[in-house]
Amino acid sequence: MSDHKPPPAKVPDGVTRYLTTRQMPPNEKGFVGFETIWKPFQKEAEYKTPKRP
């Protein structure tokens, strides 16, 4: 008997408004992790110096 296990099932990407999770490939120990990708919550505006009175 071999101790070789079948690869884990592929999980679909989790998509929400600000977050996406993707399943990463298994490493040499067989651990399967997840990659988390965040989208920005707000836009950053360019700073403009105020007018002098």
PDB file of N, CA and C in Angstrom:
ATOM      1  N   MET A   1       0.827  -1.187   0.000  1.00  0.00           N
ATOM      2  CA  MET A   1       0.000   0.000   0.000  1.00  0.00           C
ATOM      3  C   MET A   1       0.866   1.243   0.000  1.00  0.00           C
ATOM      4  N   SER A   2       0.476   2.205  -0.744  1.00  0.00           N
ATOM      5  CA  SER A   2       1.251   3.446  -0.757  1.00  0.00           C
ATOM      6  C   SER A   2       0.560   4.487   0.121  1.00  0.00           C
ATOM      7  N   ASP A   3       1.366   5.406   0.601  1.00  0.00           N
ATOM      8  CA  ASP A   3       0.840   6.487   1.437  1.00  0.00           C
ATOM      9  C   ASP A   3       0.478   7.709   0.602  1.00  0.00           C
ATOM     10  N   HIS A   4       0.481   7.546  -0.715  1.00  0.00           N
ATOM     11  CA  HIS A   4       0.189   8.667  -1.600  1.00  0.00           C
ATOM     12  C   HIS A   4      -1.314   8.960  -1.594  1.00  0.00           C
ATOM     13  N   LYS A   5      -1.656  10.211  -1.284  1.00  0.00           N
ATOM     14  CA  LYS A   5      -3.062  10.623  -1.260  1.00  0.00           C
ATOM     15  C   LYS A   5      -3.386  11.333  -2.571  1.00  0.00           C
ATOM     16  N   PRO A   6      -4.622  11.272  -3.017  1.00  0.00           N
ATOM     17  CA  PRO A   6      -4.980  12.003  -4.233  1.00  0.00           C
ATOM     18  C   PRO A   6      -4.928  13.507  -3.968  1.00  0.00           C
ATOM     19  N   PRO A   7      -4.696  14.315  -5.001  1.00  0.00           N
ATOM     20  CA  PRO A   7      -4.647  15.762  -4.793  1.00  0.00           C
ATOM     21  C   PRO A   7      -6.003  16.288  -4.316  1.00  0.00           C
ATOM     22  N   PRO A   8      -5.995  17.322  -3.492  1.00  0.00           N
ATOM     23  CA  PRO A   8      -7.259  17.872  -3.004  1.00  0.00           C
ATOM     24  C   PRO A   8      -8.089  18.464  -4.153  1.00  0.00           C
ATOM     25  N   ALA A   9      -9.368  18.533  -3.932  1.00  0.00           N
ATOM     26  CA  ALA A   9     -10.279  19.048  -4.957  1.00  0.00           C
ATOM     27  C   ALA A   9     -10.021  20.540  -5.185  1.00  0.00           C
ATOM     28  N   LYS A  10     -10.194  20.983  -6.418  1.00  0.00           N
ATOM     29  CA  LYS A  10     -10.035  22.396  -6.766  1.00  0.00           C
ATOM     30  C   LYS A  10     -11.256  23.167  -6.286  1.00  0.00           C
ATOM     31  N   VAL A  11     -11.017  24.239  -5.561  1.00  0.00           N
ATOM     32  CA  VAL A  11     -12.083  25.079  -5.025  1.00  0.00           C
ATOM     33  C   VAL A  11     -12.230  26.291  -5.934  1.00  0.00           C
ATOM     34  N   PRO A  12     -13.446  26.688  -6.303  1.00  0.00           N
ATOM     35  CA  PRO A  12     -13.609  27.865  -7.162  1.00  0.00           C
ATOM     36  C   PRO A  12     -13.196  29.141  -6.424  1.00  0.00           C
ATOM     37  N   ASP A  13     -12.839  30.166  -7.187  1.00  0.00           N
ATOM     38  CA  ASP A  13     -12.455  31.451  -6.604  1.00  0.00           C
ATOM     39  C   ASP A  13     -13.627  32.060  -5.849  1.00  0.00           C
ATOM     40  N   GLY A  14     -13.331  32.625  -4.691  1.00  0.00           N
ATOM     41  CA  GLY A  14     -14.340  33.328  -3.908  1.00  0.00           C
ATOM     42  C   GLY A  14     -14.261  34.804  -4.239  1.00  0.00           C
ATOM     43  N   VAL A  15     -15.328  35.373  -4.759  1.00  0.00           N
ATOM     44  CA  VAL A  15     -15.306  36.768  -5.183  1.00  0.00           C
ATOM     45  C   VAL A  15     -16.374  37.542  -4.417  1.00  0.00           C
ATOM     46  N   THR A  16     -15.950  38.613  -3.758  1.00  0.00           N
ATOM     47  CA  THR A  16     -16.867  39.542  -3.112  1.00  0.00           C
ATOM     48  C   THR A  16     -16.535  40.940  -3.612  1.00  0.00           C
ATOM     49  N   ARG A  17     -17.172  41.946  -3.043  1.00  0.00           N
ATOM     50  CA  ARG A  17     -17.001  43.313  -3.511  1.00  0.00           C
ATOM     51  C   ARG A  17     -15.558  43.794  -3.379  1.00  0.00           C
ATOM     52  N   TYR A  18     -14.924  43.526  -2.245  1.00  0.00           N
ATOM     53  CA  TYR A  18     -13.575  44.034  -2.000  1.00  0.00           C
ATOM     54  C   TYR A  18     -12.519  42.937  -1.853  1.00  0.00           C
ATOM     55  N   LEU A  19     -12.893  41.681  -1.952  1.00  0.00           N
ATOM     56  CA  LEU A  19     -11.978  40.596  -1.649  1.00  0.00           C
ATOM     57  C   LEU A  19     -12.130  39.452  -2.635  1.00  0.00           C
ATOM     58  N   THR A  20     -11.004  38.887  -3.063  1.00  0.00           N
ATOM     59  CA  THR A  20     -11.002  37.697  -3.903  1.00  0.00           C
ATOM     60  C   THR A  20     -10.047  36.689  -3.283  1.00  0.00           C
ATOM     61  N   THR A  21     -10.475  35.442  -3.149  1.00  0.00           N
ATOM     62  CA  THR A  21      -9.593  34.395  -2.645  1.00  0.00           C
ATOM     63  C   THR A  21      -9.414  33.351  -3.731  1.00  0.00           C
ATOM     64  N   ARG A  22      -8.166  32.892  -3.872  1.00  0.00           N
ATOM     65  CA  ARG A  22      -7.845  31.859  -4.855  1.00  0.00           C
ATOM     66  C   ARG A  22      -7.097  30.742  -4.155  1.00  0.00           C
ATOM     67  N   GLN A  23      -7.358  29.534  -4.573  1.00  0.00           N
ATOM     68  CA  GLN A  23      -6.650  28.384  -4.026  1.00  0.00           C
ATOM     69  C   GLN A  23      -5.279  28.289  -4.685  1.00  0.00           C
ATOM     70  N   MET A  24      -4.241  28.115  -3.867  1.00  0.00           N
ATOM     71  CA  MET A  24      -2.884  27.964  -4.381  1.00  0.00           C
ATOM     72  C   MET A  24      -2.599  26.478  -4.585  1.00  0.00           C
ATOM     73  N   PRO A  25      -1.621  26.145  -5.403  1.00  0.00           N
ATOM     74  CA  PRO A  25      -1.288  24.729  -5.592  1.00  0.00           C
ATOM     75  C   PRO A  25      -0.662  24.141  -4.326  1.00  0.00           C
ATOM     76  N   PRO A  26      -0.783  22.837  -4.121  1.00  0.00           N
ATOM     77  CA  PRO A  26      -0.204  22.218  -2.927  1.00  0.00           C
ATOM     78  C   PRO A  26       1.326  22.326  -2.939  1.00  0.00           C
ATOM     79  N   ASN A  27       1.919  22.498  -1.757  1.00  0.00           N
ATOM     80  CA  ASN A  27       3.386  22.548  -1.676  1.00  0.00           C
ATOM     81  C   ASN A  27       3.926  21.137  -1.512  1.00  0.00           C
ATOM     82  N   GLU A  28       5.218  21.002  -1.231  1.00  0.00           N
ATOM     83  CA  GLU A  28       5.835  19.671  -1.155  1.00  0.00           C
ATOM     84  C   GLU A  28       5.287  18.828  -0.014  1.00  0.00           C
ATOM     85  N   LYS A  29       4.725  19.459   1.025  1.00  0.00           N
ATOM     86  CA  LYS A  29       4.136  18.711   2.143  1.00  0.00           C
ATOM     87  C   LYS A  29       2.665  18.396   1.917  1.00  0.00           C
ATOM     88  N   GLY A  30       2.085  18.942   0.854  1.00  0.00           N
ATOM     89  CA  GLY A  30       0.690  18.687   0.548  1.00  0.00           C
ATOM     90  C   GLY A  30      -0.255  19.750   1.082  1.00  0.00           C
ATOM     91  N   PHE A  31       0.286  20.812   1.719  1.00  0.00           N
ATOM     92  CA  PHE A  31      -0.564  21.878   2.255  1.00  0.00           C
ATOM     93  C   PHE A  31      -1.088  22.747   1.127  1.00  0.00           C
ATOM     94  N   VAL A  32      -2.375  22.998   1.138  1.00  0.00           N
ATOM     95  CA  VAL A  32      -2.998  23.858   0.134  1.00  0.00           C
ATOM     96  C   VAL A  32      -3.415  25.141   0.835  1.00  0.00           C
ATOM     97  N   GLY A  33      -2.874  26.263   0.391  1.00  0.00           N
ATOM     98  CA  GLY A  33      -3.209  27.554   0.989  1.00  0.00           C
ATOM     99  C   GLY A  33      -4.118  28.350   0.078  1.00  0.00           C
ATOM    100  N   PHE A  34      -4.467  29.532   0.545  1.00  0.00           N
ATOM    101  CA  PHE A  34      -5.319  30.417  -0.227  1.00  0.00           C
ATOM    102  C   PHE A  34      -4.658  31.775  -0.350  1.00  0.00           C
ATOM    103  N   GLU A  35      -4.732  32.364  -1.536  1.00  0.00           N
ATOM    104  CA  GLU A  35      -4.196  33.685  -1.807  1.00  0.00           C
ATOM    105  C   GLU A  35      -5.345  34.682  -1.648  1.00  0.00           C
ATOM    106  N   THR A  36      -5.117  35.748  -0.904  1.00  0.00           N
ATOM    107  CA  THR A  36      -6.142  36.761  -0.664  1.00  0.00           C
ATOM    108  C   THR A  36      -5.760  38.034  -1.396  1.00  0.00           C
ATOM    109  N   ILE A  37      -6.654  38.543  -2.225  1.00  0.00           N
ATOM    110  CA  ILE A  37      -6.410  39.751  -3.000  1.00  0.00           C
ATOM    111  C   ILE A  37      -7.455  40.790  -2.590  1.00  0.00           C
ATOM    112  N   TRP A  38      -6.996  41.908  -2.033  1.00  0.00           N
ATOM    113  CA  TRP A  38      -7.892  42.976  -1.598  1.00  0.00           C
ATOM    114  C   TRP A  38      -7.987  44.047  -2.664  1.00  0.00           C
ATOM    115  N   LYS A  39      -9.172  44.598  -2.850  1.00  0.00           N
ATOM    116  CA  LYS A  39      -9.375  45.741  -3.726  1.00  0.00           C
ATOM    117  C   LYS A  39      -9.417  46.981  -2.833  1.00  0.00           C
ATOM    118  N   PRO A  40      -8.989  48.135  -3.340  1.00  0.00           N
ATOM    119  CA  PRO A  40      -8.980  49.336  -2.499  1.00  0.00           C
ATOM    120  C   PRO A  40     -10.400  49.752  -2.100  1.00  0.00           C
ATOM    121  N   PHE A  41     -10.526  50.221  -0.858  1.00  0.00           N
ATOM    122  CA  PHE A  41     -11.815  50.661  -0.344  1.00  0.00           C
ATOM    123  C   PHE A  41     -12.157  52.071  -0.823  1.00  0.00           C
ATOM    124  N   GLN A  42     -11.140  52.879  -1.036  1.00  0.00           N
ATOM    125  CA  GLN A  42     -11.386  54.266  -1.412  1.00  0.00           C
ATOM    126  C   GLN A  42     -10.320  54.723  -2.403  1.00  0.00           C
ATOM    127  N   LYS A  43     -10.611  55.793  -3.098  1.00  0.00           N
ATOM    128  CA  LYS A  43      -9.651  56.352  -4.039  1.00  0.00           C
ATOM    129  C   LYS A  43      -8.809  57.391  -3.317  1.00  0.00           C
ATOM    130  N   GLU A  44      -7.573  57.501  -3.732  1.00  0.00           N
ATOM    131  CA  GLU A  44      -6.679  58.478  -3.134  1.00  0.00           C
ATOM    132  C   GLU A  44      -6.562  59.648  -4.095  1.00  0.00           C
ATOM    133  N   ALA A  45      -6.950  60.844  -3.619  1.00  0.00           N
ATOM    134  CA  ALA A  45      -6.917  62.030  -4.461  1.00  0.00           C
ATOM    135  C   ALA A  45      -5.549  62.702  -4.343  1.00  0.00           C
ATOM    136  N   GLU A  46      -5.137  63.333  -5.411  1.00  0.00           N
ATOM    137  CA  GLU A  46      -3.865  64.034  -5.400  1.00  0.00           C
ATOM    138  C   GLU A  46      -4.004  65.293  -4.556  1.00  0.00           C
ATOM    139  N   TYR A  47      -2.999  65.572  -3.726  1.00  0.00           N
ATOM    140  CA  TYR A  47      -3.047  66.740  -2.850  1.00  0.00           C
ATOM    141  C   TYR A  47      -2.766  67.998  -3.651  1.00  0.00           C
ATOM    142  N   LYS A  48      -3.605  69.025  -3.432  1.00  0.00           N
ATOM    143  CA  LYS A  48      -3.415  70.314  -4.067  1.00  0.00           C
ATOM    144  C   LYS A  48      -3.246  71.352  -2.967  1.00  0.00           C
ATOM    145  N   THR A  49      -2.236  72.202  -3.110  1.00  0.00           N
ATOM    146  CA  THR A  49      -1.991  73.237  -2.112  1.00  0.00           C
ATOM    147  C   THR A  49      -3.140  74.234  -2.160  1.00  0.00           C
ATOM    148  N   PRO A  50      -3.692  74.611  -0.982  1.00  0.00           N
ATOM    149  CA  PRO A  50      -4.790  75.576  -0.978  1.00  0.00           C
ATOM    150  C   PRO A  50      -4.342  76.961  -1.491  1.00  0.00           C
ATOM    151  N   LYS A  51      -5.297  77.746  -1.964  1.00  0.00           N
ATOM    152  CA  LYS A  51      -4.988  79.094  -2.453  1.00  0.00           C
ATOM    153  C   LYS A  51      -4.596  79.985  -1.283  1.00  0.00           C
ATOM    154  N   ARG A  52      -3.718  80.909  -1.547  1.00  0.00           N
ATOM    155  CA  ARG A  52      -3.343  81.862  -0.493  1.00  0.00           C
ATOM    156  C   ARG A  52      -4.388  82.987  -0.488  1.00  0.00           C
ATOM    157  N   PRO A  53      -4.714  83.503   0.680  1.00  0.00           N
ATOM    158  CA  PRO A  53      -5.722  84.590   0.736  1.00  0.00           C
ATOM    159  C   PRO A  53      -5.255  85.887   0.135  1.00  0.00           C
TER     160      PRO A  53
END
